[in-house]
Amino acid sequence: MSILIEIVQGLGSIIIGLVNVYIWVVIIAALLSFVSPDPYNPIVQFLYRITNPAYSFVRKYIKTNFNGLDLAPLIIIVALQVFIVVFSSLLHSI
């Protein structure tokens, strides 16, 4: 039984790591929006393809544009941080 618990905790740690990487992708994409990079750059296109579904999901339910400043990345980062805290506490309670 302890092997199964360790496997679940290991997979949970991988999920938390992937969520942390996605948080950094959202931060980088948000910072790039301030400098308006070349839209044909493959890295910029990749970042926008990865983050736009999450942005559109948040924008569908919450008004995120305040005086030209888009708060969707901030809302996503806070939500993902809450997910990490809850998920890690669930993993440690096993």
C-alpha atoms as a PDB file:
ATOM      1  CA  MET A   1       0.000   0.000   0.000  1.00  0.00           C
ATOM      2  CA  SER A   2       2.853   2.421   0.714  1.00  0.00           C
ATOM      3  CA  ILE A   3       4.189   1.923  -2.818  1.00  0.00           C
ATOM      4  CA  LEU A   4       0.872   3.097  -4.233  1.00  0.00           C
ATOM      5  CA  ILE A   5       0.929   6.157  -1.963  1.00  0.00           C
ATOM      6  CA  GLU A   6       4.452   7.032  -3.094  1.00  0.00           C
ATOM      7  CA  ILE A   7       3.460   6.653  -6.750  1.00  0.00           C
ATOM      8  CA  VAL A   8       0.465   8.958  -6.247  1.00  0.00           C
ATOM      9  CA  GLN A   9       2.632  11.507  -4.431  1.00  0.00           C
ATOM     10  CA  GLY A  10       5.249  11.323  -7.181  1.00  0.00           C
ATOM     11  CA  LEU A  11       2.646  11.898  -9.889  1.00  0.00           C
ATOM     12  CA  GLY A  12       1.212  14.739  -7.833  1.00  0.00           C
ATOM     13  CA  SER A  13       4.649  16.327  -7.602  1.00  0.00           C
ATOM     14  CA  ILE A  14       4.986  16.092 -11.375  1.00  0.00           C
ATOM     15  CA  ILE A  15       1.596  17.798 -11.796  1.00  0.00           C
ATOM     16  CA  ILE A  16       2.623  20.567  -9.398  1.00  0.00           C
ATOM     17  CA  GLY A  17       5.862  21.023 -11.342  1.00  0.00           C
ATOM     18  CA  LEU A  18       3.967  21.309 -14.628  1.00  0.00           C
ATOM     19  CA  VAL A  19       1.618  23.871 -13.110  1.00  0.00           C
ATOM     20  CA  ASN A  20       4.645  25.873 -11.928  1.00  0.00           C
ATOM     21  CA  VAL A  21       6.081  25.798 -15.448  1.00  0.00           C
ATOM     22  CA  TYR A  22       2.736  27.008 -16.833  1.00  0.00           C
ATOM     23  CA  ILE A  23       2.735  29.854 -14.323  1.00  0.00           C
ATOM     24  CA  TRP A  24       6.110  30.964 -15.689  1.00  0.00           C
ATOM     25  CA  VAL A  25       4.813  30.680 -19.259  1.00  0.00           C
ATOM     26  CA  VAL A  26       1.897  32.961 -18.336  1.00  0.00           C
ATOM     27  CA  ILE A  27       4.294  35.442 -16.715  1.00  0.00           C
ATOM     28  CA  ILE A  28       6.574  35.482 -19.765  1.00  0.00           C
ATOM     29  CA  ALA A  29       3.627  35.909 -22.154  1.00  0.00           C
ATOM     30  CA  ALA A  30       2.272  38.765 -20.026  1.00  0.00           C
ATOM     31  CA  LEU A  31       5.635  40.514 -20.005  1.00  0.00           C
ATOM     32  CA  LEU A  32       5.948  40.058 -23.763  1.00  0.00           C
ATOM     33  CA  SER A  33       2.616  41.775 -24.279  1.00  0.00           C
ATOM     34  CA  PHE A  34       4.155  44.993 -22.925  1.00  0.00           C
ATOM     35  CA  VAL A  35       6.916  45.116 -25.554  1.00  0.00           C
ATOM     36  CA  SER A  36       4.833  43.914 -28.562  1.00  0.00           C
ATOM     37  CA  PRO A  37       7.256  41.369 -30.044  1.00  0.00           C
ATOM     38  CA  ASP A  38       7.294  40.084 -33.606  1.00  0.00           C
ATOM     39  CA  PRO A  39       4.085  38.041 -33.994  1.00  0.00           C
ATOM     40  CA  TYR A  40       5.775  35.746 -36.539  1.00  0.00           C
ATOM     41  CA  ASN A  41       8.432  34.610 -34.090  1.00  0.00           C
ATOM     42  CA  PRO A  42       7.850  30.898 -33.384  1.00  0.00           C
ATOM     43  CA  ILE A  43       8.487  31.295 -29.652  1.00  0.00           C
ATOM     44  CA  VAL A  44       5.964  34.122 -29.390  1.00  0.00           C
ATOM     45  CA  GLN A  45       3.424  32.120 -31.377  1.00  0.00           C
ATOM     46  CA  PHE A  46       3.974  29.116 -29.089  1.00  0.00           C
ATOM     47  CA  LEU A  47       3.490  31.242 -25.970  1.00  0.00           C
ATOM     48  CA  TYR A  48       0.292  32.775 -27.325  1.00  0.00           C
ATOM     49  CA  ARG A  49      -1.088  29.376 -28.387  1.00  0.00           C
ATOM     50  CA  ILE A  50      -0.423  27.981 -24.914  1.00  0.00           C
ATOM     51  CA  THR A  51      -1.871  30.926 -22.962  1.00  0.00           C
ATOM     52  CA  ASN A  52      -4.767  32.154 -25.124  1.00  0.00           C
ATOM     53  CA  PRO A  53      -7.167  29.292 -24.222  1.00  0.00           C
ATOM     54  CA  ALA A  54      -6.764  30.064 -20.515  1.00  0.00           C
ATOM     55  CA  TYR A  55      -7.109  33.800 -21.155  1.00  0.00           C
ATOM     56  CA  SER A  56     -10.294  33.333 -23.170  1.00  0.00           C
ATOM     57  CA  PHE A  57     -11.753  31.040 -20.499  1.00  0.00           C
ATOM     58  CA  VAL A  58     -11.171  33.664 -17.799  1.00  0.00           C
ATOM     59  CA  ARG A  59     -12.391  36.506 -20.016  1.00  0.00           C
ATOM     60  CA  LYS A  60     -15.611  34.614 -20.706  1.00  0.00           C
ATOM     61  CA  TYR A  61     -16.605  34.756 -17.029  1.00  0.00           C
ATOM     62  CA  ILE A  62     -14.820  37.823 -15.644  1.00  0.00           C
ATOM     63  CA  LYS A  63     -14.269  41.300 -17.055  1.00  0.00           C
ATOM     64  CA  THR A  64     -10.484  41.568 -17.072  1.00  0.00           C
ATOM     65  CA  ASN A  65      -9.798  44.750 -19.030  1.00  0.00           C
ATOM     66  CA  PHE A  66      -9.389  47.746 -16.711  1.00  0.00           C
ATOM     67  CA  ASN A  67      -8.196  50.967 -18.376  1.00  0.00           C
ATOM     68  CA  GLY A  68      -6.261  49.068 -21.032  1.00  0.00           C
ATOM     69  CA  LEU A  69      -4.617  46.716 -18.552  1.00  0.00           C
ATOM     70  CA  ASP A  70      -5.547  43.058 -18.924  1.00  0.00           C
ATOM     71  CA  LEU A  71      -5.760  41.272 -15.576  1.00  0.00           C
ATOM     72  CA  ALA A  72      -6.399  37.791 -17.001  1.00  0.00           C
ATOM     73  CA  PRO A  73      -2.785  36.634 -16.426  1.00  0.00           C
ATOM     74  CA  LEU A  74      -2.955  37.772 -12.801  1.00  0.00           C
ATOM     75  CA  ILE A  75      -6.229  35.914 -12.235  1.00  0.00           C
ATOM     76  CA  ILE A  76      -4.798  32.764 -13.821  1.00  0.00           C
ATOM     77  CA  ILE A  77      -1.635  32.927 -11.720  1.00  0.00           C
ATOM     78  CA  VAL A  78      -3.571  33.396  -8.479  1.00  0.00           C
ATOM     79  CA  ALA A  79      -5.932  30.533  -9.368  1.00  0.00           C
ATOM     80  CA  LEU A  80      -3.033  28.233 -10.192  1.00  0.00           C
ATOM     81  CA  GLN A  81      -1.271  29.144  -6.946  1.00  0.00           C
ATOM     82  CA  VAL A  82      -4.439  28.289  -5.016  1.00  0.00           C
ATOM     83  CA  PHE A  83      -4.603  24.991  -6.911  1.00  0.00           C
ATOM     84  CA  ILE A  84      -0.994  24.211  -5.966  1.00  0.00           C
ATOM     85  CA  VAL A  85      -1.625  24.896  -2.267  1.00  0.00           C
ATOM     86  CA  VAL A  86      -4.797  22.799  -2.150  1.00  0.00           C
ATOM     87  CA  PHE A  87      -3.372  19.966  -4.242  1.00  0.00           C
ATOM     88  CA  SER A  88      -0.112  19.784  -2.268  1.00  0.00           C
ATOM     89  CA  SER A  89      -2.016  19.732   1.035  1.00  0.00           C
ATOM     90  CA  LEU A  90      -4.128  16.869  -0.330  1.00  0.00           C
ATOM     91  CA  LEU A  91      -0.986  15.016  -1.359  1.00  0.00           C
ATOM     92  CA  HIS A  92       0.623  15.458   2.041  1.00  0.00           C
ATOM     93  CA  SER A  93      -2.497  14.289   3.860  1.00  0.00           C
ATOM     94  CA  ILE A  94      -2.338  10.897   2.137  1.00  0.00           C
END
